[in-house]
Amino acid sequence: MSATLRDMTRADLPAVLAMEEELFAPDTWTSAMYRDELARTDTRHYLVAEDDAGTVVGYAGLIAYPEEAHIATIGVTAAAQGQGIGALLLDTLLAEADTRSQVVLLEVRADNEVAQGLYRRRGFTEIGRRRGYYQPSGTDAVVMSRELAHG
């Protein structure tokens, strides 16, 4: 499956929220959280991935400040996982982050080894843990960091 990336809009929120429920329940973001993020265009960069039929199959978001950037969220519907869409979303966000910040941080569920492997392959290293970070499940987060290499 090929995917095309574009900026996320409010019209994408029903599809994004359905994926949130599928992928991250009970620790989902709300519609209000996404609306707030989409309104902050100066420091936020949110994308969706569409399949050939125009269906939203993935999404991702970046929060970027001059001193550091954060991968805020990334998700790909289960039916489209394993096809490189998550890596495409991540690589696109990292390219944007590298124009804005020296360091990129993220939190990932401690029980999500697949995502941690992707992040490690993109140069992230574990720098800590946040106990009970994901609510309401209480799942721990692995905190990872990637520094921009200047050569």
N, C-alpha and C. Protein backbone atom coordinates (compact mmCIF):
# COMPACT_ATOMS: atom_id res chain seq x y z
N MET A 1 0.84 -1.18 0.00
CA MET A 1 0.00 0.00 0.00
C MET A 1 0.88 1.23 0.00
N SER A 2 0.58 2.16 -0.89
CA SER A 2 1.29 3.42 -0.86
C SER A 2 0.45 4.42 -0.06
N ALA A 3 1.10 5.43 0.46
CA ALA A 3 0.40 6.44 1.24
C ALA A 3 0.88 7.81 0.81
N THR A 4 -0.04 8.75 0.84
CA THR A 4 0.25 10.14 0.55
C THR A 4 0.06 10.93 1.83
N LEU A 5 1.02 11.79 2.15
CA LEU A 5 0.91 12.61 3.36
C LEU A 5 0.39 14.00 2.99
N ARG A 6 -0.39 14.55 3.92
CA ARG A 6 -0.85 15.93 3.80
C ARG A 6 -1.10 16.47 5.20
N ASP A 7 -1.25 17.80 5.29
CA ASP A 7 -1.53 18.41 6.58
C ASP A 7 -2.88 17.93 7.11
N MET A 8 -2.94 17.68 8.41
CA MET A 8 -4.19 17.30 9.07
C MET A 8 -5.09 18.53 9.17
N THR A 9 -6.38 18.32 8.96
CA THR A 9 -7.38 19.38 9.14
C THR A 9 -8.43 18.91 10.13
N ARG A 10 -9.27 19.83 10.56
CA ARG A 10 -10.35 19.46 11.48
C ARG A 10 -11.28 18.43 10.86
N ALA A 11 -11.39 18.44 9.53
CA ALA A 11 -12.25 17.45 8.86
C ALA A 11 -11.72 16.03 9.02
N ASP A 12 -10.44 15.88 9.35
CA ASP A 12 -9.84 14.56 9.55
C ASP A 12 -10.10 14.00 10.94
N LEU A 13 -10.60 14.82 11.84
CA LEU A 13 -10.69 14.38 13.24
C LEU A 13 -11.56 13.14 13.45
N PRO A 14 -12.70 12.95 12.78
CA PRO A 14 -13.43 11.70 13.00
C PRO A 14 -12.58 10.46 12.69
N ALA A 15 -11.83 10.48 11.60
CA ALA A 15 -10.98 9.34 11.25
C ALA A 15 -9.84 9.18 12.25
N VAL A 16 -9.23 10.29 12.64
CA VAL A 16 -8.12 10.25 13.60
C VAL A 16 -8.61 9.73 14.95
N LEU A 17 -9.76 10.22 15.39
CA LEU A 17 -10.28 9.78 16.68
C LEU A 17 -10.67 8.31 16.66
N ALA A 18 -11.16 7.80 15.53
CA ALA A 18 -11.46 6.37 15.41
C ALA A 18 -10.17 5.56 15.54
N MET A 19 -9.08 6.03 14.93
CA MET A 19 -7.79 5.33 15.07
C MET A 19 -7.26 5.43 16.49
N GLU A 20 -7.43 6.58 17.12
CA GLU A 20 -7.04 6.73 18.53
C GLU A 20 -7.70 5.63 19.36
N GLU A 21 -8.99 5.45 19.16
CA GLU A 21 -9.74 4.45 19.92
C GLU A 21 -9.23 3.04 19.61
N GLU A 22 -9.00 2.77 18.33
CA GLU A 22 -8.51 1.45 17.91
C GLU A 22 -7.13 1.16 18.50
N LEU A 23 -6.24 2.15 18.48
CA LEU A 23 -4.84 1.93 18.81
C LEU A 23 -4.48 2.17 20.26
N PHE A 24 -5.11 3.17 20.90
CA PHE A 24 -4.59 3.64 22.18
C PHE A 24 -5.58 3.61 23.34
N ALA A 25 -6.80 3.11 23.13
CA ALA A 25 -7.76 3.06 24.23
C ALA A 25 -7.17 2.26 25.38
N PRO A 26 -7.35 2.69 26.61
CA PRO A 26 -8.20 3.81 27.03
C PRO A 26 -7.46 5.16 27.08
N ASP A 27 -6.24 5.22 26.61
CA ASP A 27 -5.40 6.42 26.77
C ASP A 27 -5.48 7.36 25.56
N THR A 28 -6.68 7.60 25.08
CA THR A 28 -6.86 8.35 23.84
C THR A 28 -6.87 9.86 24.06
N TRP A 29 -6.46 10.57 23.02
CA TRP A 29 -6.63 12.02 22.98
C TRP A 29 -8.08 12.30 22.63
N THR A 30 -8.56 13.47 23.01
CA THR A 30 -9.93 13.88 22.72
C THR A 30 -9.97 14.79 21.49
N SER A 31 -11.18 14.97 20.98
CA SER A 31 -11.38 15.89 19.86
C SER A 31 -10.92 17.29 20.25
N ALA A 32 -11.23 17.72 21.46
CA ALA A 32 -10.82 19.05 21.91
C ALA A 32 -9.30 19.19 21.94
N MET A 33 -8.61 18.15 22.34
CA MET A 33 -7.14 18.20 22.36
C MET A 33 -6.61 18.39 20.94
N TYR A 34 -7.15 17.64 19.98
CA TYR A 34 -6.70 17.79 18.60
C TYR A 34 -7.06 19.16 18.03
N ARG A 35 -8.25 19.65 18.31
CA ARG A 35 -8.63 20.98 17.82
C ARG A 35 -7.67 22.03 18.36
N ASP A 36 -7.31 21.91 19.62
CA ASP A 36 -6.35 22.85 20.23
C ASP A 36 -4.99 22.75 19.54
N GLU A 37 -4.53 21.54 19.31
CA GLU A 37 -3.24 21.34 18.65
C GLU A 37 -3.25 21.93 17.23
N LEU A 38 -4.32 21.69 16.47
CA LEU A 38 -4.39 22.18 15.10
C LEU A 38 -4.45 23.71 15.03
N ALA A 39 -4.92 24.34 16.09
CA ALA A 39 -5.00 25.80 16.12
C ALA A 39 -3.64 26.45 16.38
N ARG A 40 -2.68 25.70 16.87
CA ARG A 40 -1.37 26.24 17.23
C ARG A 40 -0.37 26.05 16.08
N THR A 41 -0.61 26.72 15.00
CA THR A 41 0.17 26.49 13.79
C THR A 41 1.62 26.95 13.89
N ASP A 42 1.94 27.80 14.85
CA ASP A 42 3.31 28.29 14.95
C ASP A 42 4.27 27.22 15.47
N THR A 43 3.81 26.37 16.36
CA THR A 43 4.70 25.37 16.96
C THR A 43 4.26 23.93 16.68
N ARG A 44 3.16 23.73 15.96
CA ARG A 44 2.64 22.39 15.72
C ARG A 44 2.69 22.04 14.24
N HIS A 45 2.86 20.75 13.97
CA HIS A 45 2.87 20.25 12.59
C HIS A 45 2.23 18.87 12.63
N TYR A 46 0.99 18.77 12.14
CA TYR A 46 0.24 17.51 12.16
C TYR A 46 -0.04 17.05 10.74
N LEU A 47 0.13 15.76 10.52
CA LEU A 47 -0.04 15.15 9.21
C LEU A 47 -1.02 13.99 9.28
N VAL A 48 -1.63 13.69 8.14
CA VAL A 48 -2.34 12.43 7.98
C VAL A 48 -1.76 11.72 6.76
N ALA A 49 -1.89 10.39 6.78
CA ALA A 49 -1.50 9.55 5.65
C ALA A 49 -2.78 8.99 5.05
N GLU A 50 -2.91 9.14 3.73
CA GLU A 50 -4.06 8.61 3.02
C GLU A 50 -3.61 7.48 2.11
N ASP A 51 -4.46 6.43 2.01
CA ASP A 51 -4.17 5.36 1.06
C ASP A 51 -4.62 5.79 -0.34
N ASP A 52 -4.48 4.91 -1.31
CA ASP A 52 -4.81 5.24 -2.70
C ASP A 52 -6.28 5.61 -2.89
N ALA A 53 -7.15 5.15 -1.99
CA ALA A 53 -8.57 5.47 -2.08
C ALA A 53 -8.93 6.77 -1.35
N GLY A 54 -7.94 7.41 -0.74
CA GLY A 54 -8.20 8.65 -0.02
C GLY A 54 -8.65 8.46 1.40
N THR A 55 -8.53 7.23 1.92
CA THR A 55 -8.90 6.94 3.30
C THR A 55 -7.72 7.26 4.21
N VAL A 56 -8.00 7.94 5.32
CA VAL A 56 -6.95 8.25 6.29
C VAL A 56 -6.58 6.96 7.02
N VAL A 57 -5.31 6.56 6.92
CA VAL A 57 -4.84 5.32 7.52
C VAL A 57 -3.76 5.56 8.58
N GLY A 58 -3.34 6.82 8.75
CA GLY A 58 -2.33 7.13 9.74
C GLY A 58 -2.29 8.62 10.00
N TYR A 59 -1.64 8.97 11.08
CA TYR A 59 -1.52 10.38 11.47
C TYR A 59 -0.32 10.53 12.38
N ALA A 60 0.16 11.77 12.48
CA ALA A 60 1.30 12.05 13.35
C ALA A 60 1.36 13.54 13.64
N GLY A 61 1.96 13.88 14.77
CA GLY A 61 2.08 15.27 15.13
C GLY A 61 3.40 15.60 15.78
N LEU A 62 3.84 16.84 15.52
CA LEU A 62 5.10 17.36 16.03
C LEU A 62 4.83 18.66 16.76
N ILE A 63 5.46 18.81 17.92
CA ILE A 63 5.49 20.08 18.64
C ILE A 63 6.95 20.53 18.59
N ALA A 64 7.20 21.72 18.04
CA ALA A 64 8.59 22.14 17.82
C ALA A 64 8.84 23.54 18.38
N TYR A 65 9.83 23.62 19.23
CA TYR A 65 10.34 24.88 19.77
C TYR A 65 11.80 24.97 19.36
N PRO A 66 12.40 26.15 19.41
CA PRO A 66 13.82 26.26 19.02
C PRO A 66 14.75 25.35 19.83
N GLU A 67 14.47 25.17 21.12
CA GLU A 67 15.38 24.37 21.94
C GLU A 67 15.15 22.87 21.85
N GLU A 68 13.92 22.46 21.53
CA GLU A 68 13.64 21.03 21.38
C GLU A 68 12.30 20.82 20.69
N ALA A 69 12.17 19.66 20.08
CA ALA A 69 10.92 19.26 19.44
C ALA A 69 10.45 17.96 20.08
N HIS A 70 9.16 17.71 19.97
CA HIS A 70 8.56 16.50 20.54
C HIS A 70 7.68 15.84 19.48
N ILE A 71 7.87 14.54 19.29
CA ILE A 71 6.92 13.77 18.52
C ILE A 71 5.73 13.58 19.46
N ALA A 72 4.62 14.25 19.17
CA ALA A 72 3.48 14.26 20.08
C ALA A 72 2.65 12.99 19.96
N THR A 73 2.49 12.50 18.73
CA THR A 73 1.67 11.32 18.51
C THR A 73 1.99 10.76 17.14
N ILE A 74 1.80 9.47 17.02
CA ILE A 74 1.93 8.81 15.72
C ILE A 74 1.11 7.53 15.79
N GLY A 75 0.33 7.29 14.77
CA GLY A 75 -0.49 6.08 14.76
C GLY A 75 -0.84 5.67 13.34
N VAL A 76 -0.92 4.37 13.13
CA VAL A 76 -1.33 3.81 11.84
C VAL A 76 -2.36 2.73 12.14
N THR A 77 -3.48 2.79 11.44
CA THR A 77 -4.53 1.81 11.67
C THR A 77 -3.96 0.39 11.53
N ALA A 78 -4.47 -0.53 12.33
CA ALA A 78 -3.92 -1.89 12.36
C ALA A 78 -3.88 -2.53 10.97
N ALA A 79 -4.89 -2.27 10.16
CA ALA A 79 -4.95 -2.88 8.83
C ALA A 79 -3.82 -2.40 7.91
N ALA A 80 -3.23 -1.25 8.22
CA ALA A 80 -2.17 -0.70 7.37
C ALA A 80 -0.79 -0.77 8.02
N GLN A 81 -0.69 -1.38 9.19
CA GLN A 81 0.60 -1.46 9.87
C GLN A 81 1.53 -2.42 9.13
N GLY A 82 2.84 -2.19 9.29
CA GLY A 82 3.83 -3.06 8.68
C GLY A 82 4.10 -2.74 7.21
N GLN A 83 3.60 -1.62 6.73
CA GLN A 83 3.76 -1.25 5.33
C GLN A 83 4.58 0.02 5.14
N GLY A 84 5.24 0.47 6.22
CA GLY A 84 6.12 1.62 6.11
C GLY A 84 5.46 2.97 6.30
N ILE A 85 4.17 2.98 6.61
CA ILE A 85 3.46 4.25 6.76
C ILE A 85 3.92 4.98 8.02
N GLY A 86 4.08 4.26 9.11
CA GLY A 86 4.58 4.88 10.34
C GLY A 86 5.96 5.46 10.15
N ALA A 87 6.82 4.72 9.44
CA ALA A 87 8.18 5.21 9.18
C ALA A 87 8.13 6.45 8.29
N LEU A 88 7.25 6.48 7.29
CA LEU A 88 7.11 7.65 6.43
C LEU A 88 6.65 8.86 7.23
N LEU A 89 5.66 8.67 8.08
CA LEU A 89 5.19 9.76 8.94
C LEU A 89 6.31 10.26 9.84
N LEU A 90 7.00 9.33 10.50
CA LEU A 90 8.08 9.70 11.41
C LEU A 90 9.19 10.42 10.67
N ASP A 91 9.62 9.90 9.54
CA ASP A 91 10.71 10.53 8.79
C ASP A 91 10.33 11.94 8.35
N THR A 92 9.08 12.13 7.96
CA THR A 92 8.63 13.46 7.55
C THR A 92 8.63 14.42 8.73
N LEU A 93 8.16 13.97 9.89
CA LEU A 93 8.21 14.82 11.08
C LEU A 93 9.64 15.12 11.50
N LEU A 94 10.53 14.13 11.41
CA LEU A 94 11.93 14.36 11.79
C LEU A 94 12.59 15.37 10.86
N ALA A 95 12.28 15.31 9.58
CA ALA A 95 12.84 16.29 8.64
C ALA A 95 12.38 17.69 9.02
N GLU A 96 11.12 17.83 9.39
CA GLU A 96 10.60 19.13 9.83
C GLU A 96 11.25 19.54 11.14
N ALA A 97 11.35 18.61 12.08
CA ALA A 97 11.96 18.92 13.38
C ALA A 97 13.39 19.39 13.22
N ASP A 98 14.12 18.77 12.30
CA ASP A 98 15.53 19.12 12.11
C ASP A 98 15.71 20.55 11.58
N THR A 99 14.67 21.14 11.00
CA THR A 99 14.76 22.53 10.55
C THR A 99 14.45 23.50 11.69
N ARG A 100 13.95 22.98 12.79
CA ARG A 100 13.49 23.85 13.88
C ARG A 100 14.26 23.68 15.18
N SER A 101 14.80 22.49 15.45
CA SER A 101 15.33 22.17 16.77
C SER A 101 16.57 21.30 16.67
N GLN A 102 17.35 21.28 17.73
CA GLN A 102 18.54 20.43 17.80
C GLN A 102 18.25 19.04 18.37
N VAL A 103 17.20 18.94 19.19
CA VAL A 103 16.88 17.69 19.88
C VAL A 103 15.41 17.36 19.65
N VAL A 104 15.14 16.08 19.43
CA VAL A 104 13.76 15.60 19.31
C VAL A 104 13.54 14.59 20.43
N LEU A 105 12.46 14.78 21.16
CA LEU A 105 12.10 13.88 22.26
C LEU A 105 10.76 13.22 21.94
N LEU A 106 10.53 12.08 22.58
CA LEU A 106 9.23 11.43 22.50
C LEU A 106 9.05 10.51 23.68
N GLU A 107 7.78 10.18 23.93
CA GLU A 107 7.45 9.13 24.88
C GLU A 107 6.74 8.04 24.09
N VAL A 108 7.06 6.80 24.44
CA VAL A 108 6.42 5.66 23.79
C VAL A 108 6.05 4.66 24.88
N ARG A 109 4.94 3.99 24.68
CA ARG A 109 4.51 3.01 25.68
C ARG A 109 5.61 1.98 25.90
N ALA A 110 5.86 1.66 27.15
CA ALA A 110 6.90 0.70 27.49
C ALA A 110 6.61 -0.68 26.90
N ASP A 111 5.34 -0.97 26.63
CA ASP A 111 4.97 -2.27 26.08
C ASP A 111 4.89 -2.28 24.55
N ASN A 112 5.31 -1.20 23.90
CA ASN A 112 5.25 -1.12 22.44
C ASN A 112 6.66 -1.28 21.85
N GLU A 113 7.10 -2.53 21.79
CA GLU A 113 8.45 -2.83 21.30
C GLU A 113 8.62 -2.50 19.81
N VAL A 114 7.56 -2.66 19.02
CA VAL A 114 7.65 -2.37 17.59
C VAL A 114 7.98 -0.90 17.37
N ALA A 115 7.24 -0.02 18.04
CA ALA A 115 7.50 1.42 17.90
C ALA A 115 8.89 1.78 18.44
N GLN A 116 9.27 1.20 19.57
CA GLN A 116 10.60 1.50 20.11
C GLN A 116 11.69 1.10 19.12
N GLY A 117 11.52 -0.01 18.43
CA GLY A 117 12.49 -0.45 17.43
C GLY A 117 12.59 0.54 16.28
N LEU A 118 11.44 1.04 15.81
CA LEU A 118 11.44 2.04 14.75
C LEU A 118 12.20 3.29 15.20
N TYR A 119 11.93 3.73 16.40
CA TYR A 119 12.60 4.94 16.90
C TYR A 119 14.10 4.72 17.04
N ARG A 120 14.50 3.56 17.53
CA ARG A 120 15.94 3.27 17.64
C ARG A 120 16.60 3.28 16.27
N ARG A 121 15.92 2.72 15.26
CA ARG A 121 16.48 2.72 13.90
C ARG A 121 16.60 4.14 13.34
N ARG A 122 15.87 5.08 13.90
CA ARG A 122 15.95 6.48 13.45
C ARG A 122 16.85 7.31 14.35
N GLY A 123 17.66 6.65 15.18
CA GLY A 123 18.66 7.36 15.98
C GLY A 123 18.24 7.76 17.38
N PHE A 124 17.06 7.33 17.82
CA PHE A 124 16.63 7.64 19.18
C PHE A 124 17.28 6.69 20.18
N THR A 125 17.56 7.20 21.36
CA THR A 125 18.05 6.37 22.46
C THR A 125 17.18 6.63 23.69
N GLU A 126 17.04 5.60 24.50
CA GLU A 126 16.26 5.74 25.74
C GLU A 126 17.03 6.60 26.72
N ILE A 127 16.34 7.60 27.29
CA ILE A 127 16.99 8.45 28.29
C ILE A 127 16.28 8.41 29.63
N GLY A 128 15.16 7.67 29.71
CA GLY A 128 14.47 7.58 30.99
C GLY A 128 13.13 6.90 30.85
N ARG A 129 12.45 6.83 31.98
CA ARG A 129 11.11 6.23 32.04
C ARG A 129 10.20 7.14 32.85
N ARG A 130 8.94 7.15 32.46
CA ARG A 130 7.92 7.89 33.22
C ARG A 130 6.91 6.86 33.70
N ARG A 131 6.93 6.62 35.00
CA ARG A 131 6.03 5.63 35.59
C ARG A 131 4.59 6.11 35.53
N GLY A 132 3.70 5.25 35.06
CA GLY A 132 2.28 5.55 35.03
C GLY A 132 1.90 6.72 34.12
N TYR A 133 2.72 7.00 33.12
CA TYR A 133 2.54 8.18 32.27
C TYR A 133 1.22 8.17 31.51
N TYR A 134 0.87 7.04 30.93
CA TYR A 134 -0.34 6.97 30.12
C TYR A 134 -1.55 6.75 31.02
N GLN A 135 -2.51 7.65 30.90
CA GLN A 135 -3.69 7.60 31.75
C GLN A 135 -4.94 7.49 30.88
N PRO A 136 -5.91 6.70 31.30
CA PRO A 136 -6.04 6.16 32.65
C PRO A 136 -5.42 4.78 32.87
N SER A 137 -4.72 4.19 31.89
CA SER A 137 -4.24 2.82 32.04
C SER A 137 -3.10 2.69 33.04
N GLY A 138 -2.34 3.77 33.25
CA GLY A 138 -1.20 3.69 34.15
C GLY A 138 0.03 3.05 33.53
N THR A 139 0.04 2.87 32.23
CA THR A 139 1.18 2.27 31.54
C THR A 139 2.39 3.20 31.57
N ASP A 140 3.56 2.63 31.77
CA ASP A 140 4.79 3.42 31.78
C ASP A 140 5.16 3.88 30.38
N ALA A 141 5.90 5.00 30.32
CA ALA A 141 6.43 5.50 29.06
C ALA A 141 7.94 5.40 29.08
N VAL A 142 8.50 5.05 27.94
CA VAL A 142 9.93 5.13 27.70
C VAL A 142 10.17 6.50 27.05
N VAL A 143 11.07 7.28 27.64
CA VAL A 143 11.41 8.58 27.08
C VAL A 143 12.65 8.38 26.20
N MET A 144 12.56 8.88 24.96
CA MET A 144 13.66 8.70 24.01
C MET A 144 14.05 10.05 23.43
N SER A 145 15.32 10.15 23.04
CA SER A 145 15.87 11.40 22.51
C SER A 145 16.70 11.13 21.28
N ARG A 146 16.71 12.11 20.38
CA ARG A 146 17.53 12.06 19.16
C ARG A 146 18.07 13.46 18.94
N GLU A 147 19.40 13.56 18.82
CA GLU A 147 20.02 14.85 18.60
C GLU A 147 20.37 15.00 17.12
N LEU A 148 20.20 16.22 16.63
CA LEU A 148 20.54 16.54 15.26
C LEU A 148 22.05 16.47 15.11
N ALA A 149 22.50 15.66 14.16
CA ALA A 149 23.94 15.52 13.92
C ALA A 149 24.38 16.56 12.92
N HIS A 150 25.34 17.36 13.31
CA HIS A 150 25.93 18.34 12.38
C HIS A 150 27.26 17.80 11.92
N GLY A 151 27.40 17.66 10.61
CA GLY A 151 28.60 17.05 10.11
C GLY A 151 29.47 17.89 9.36
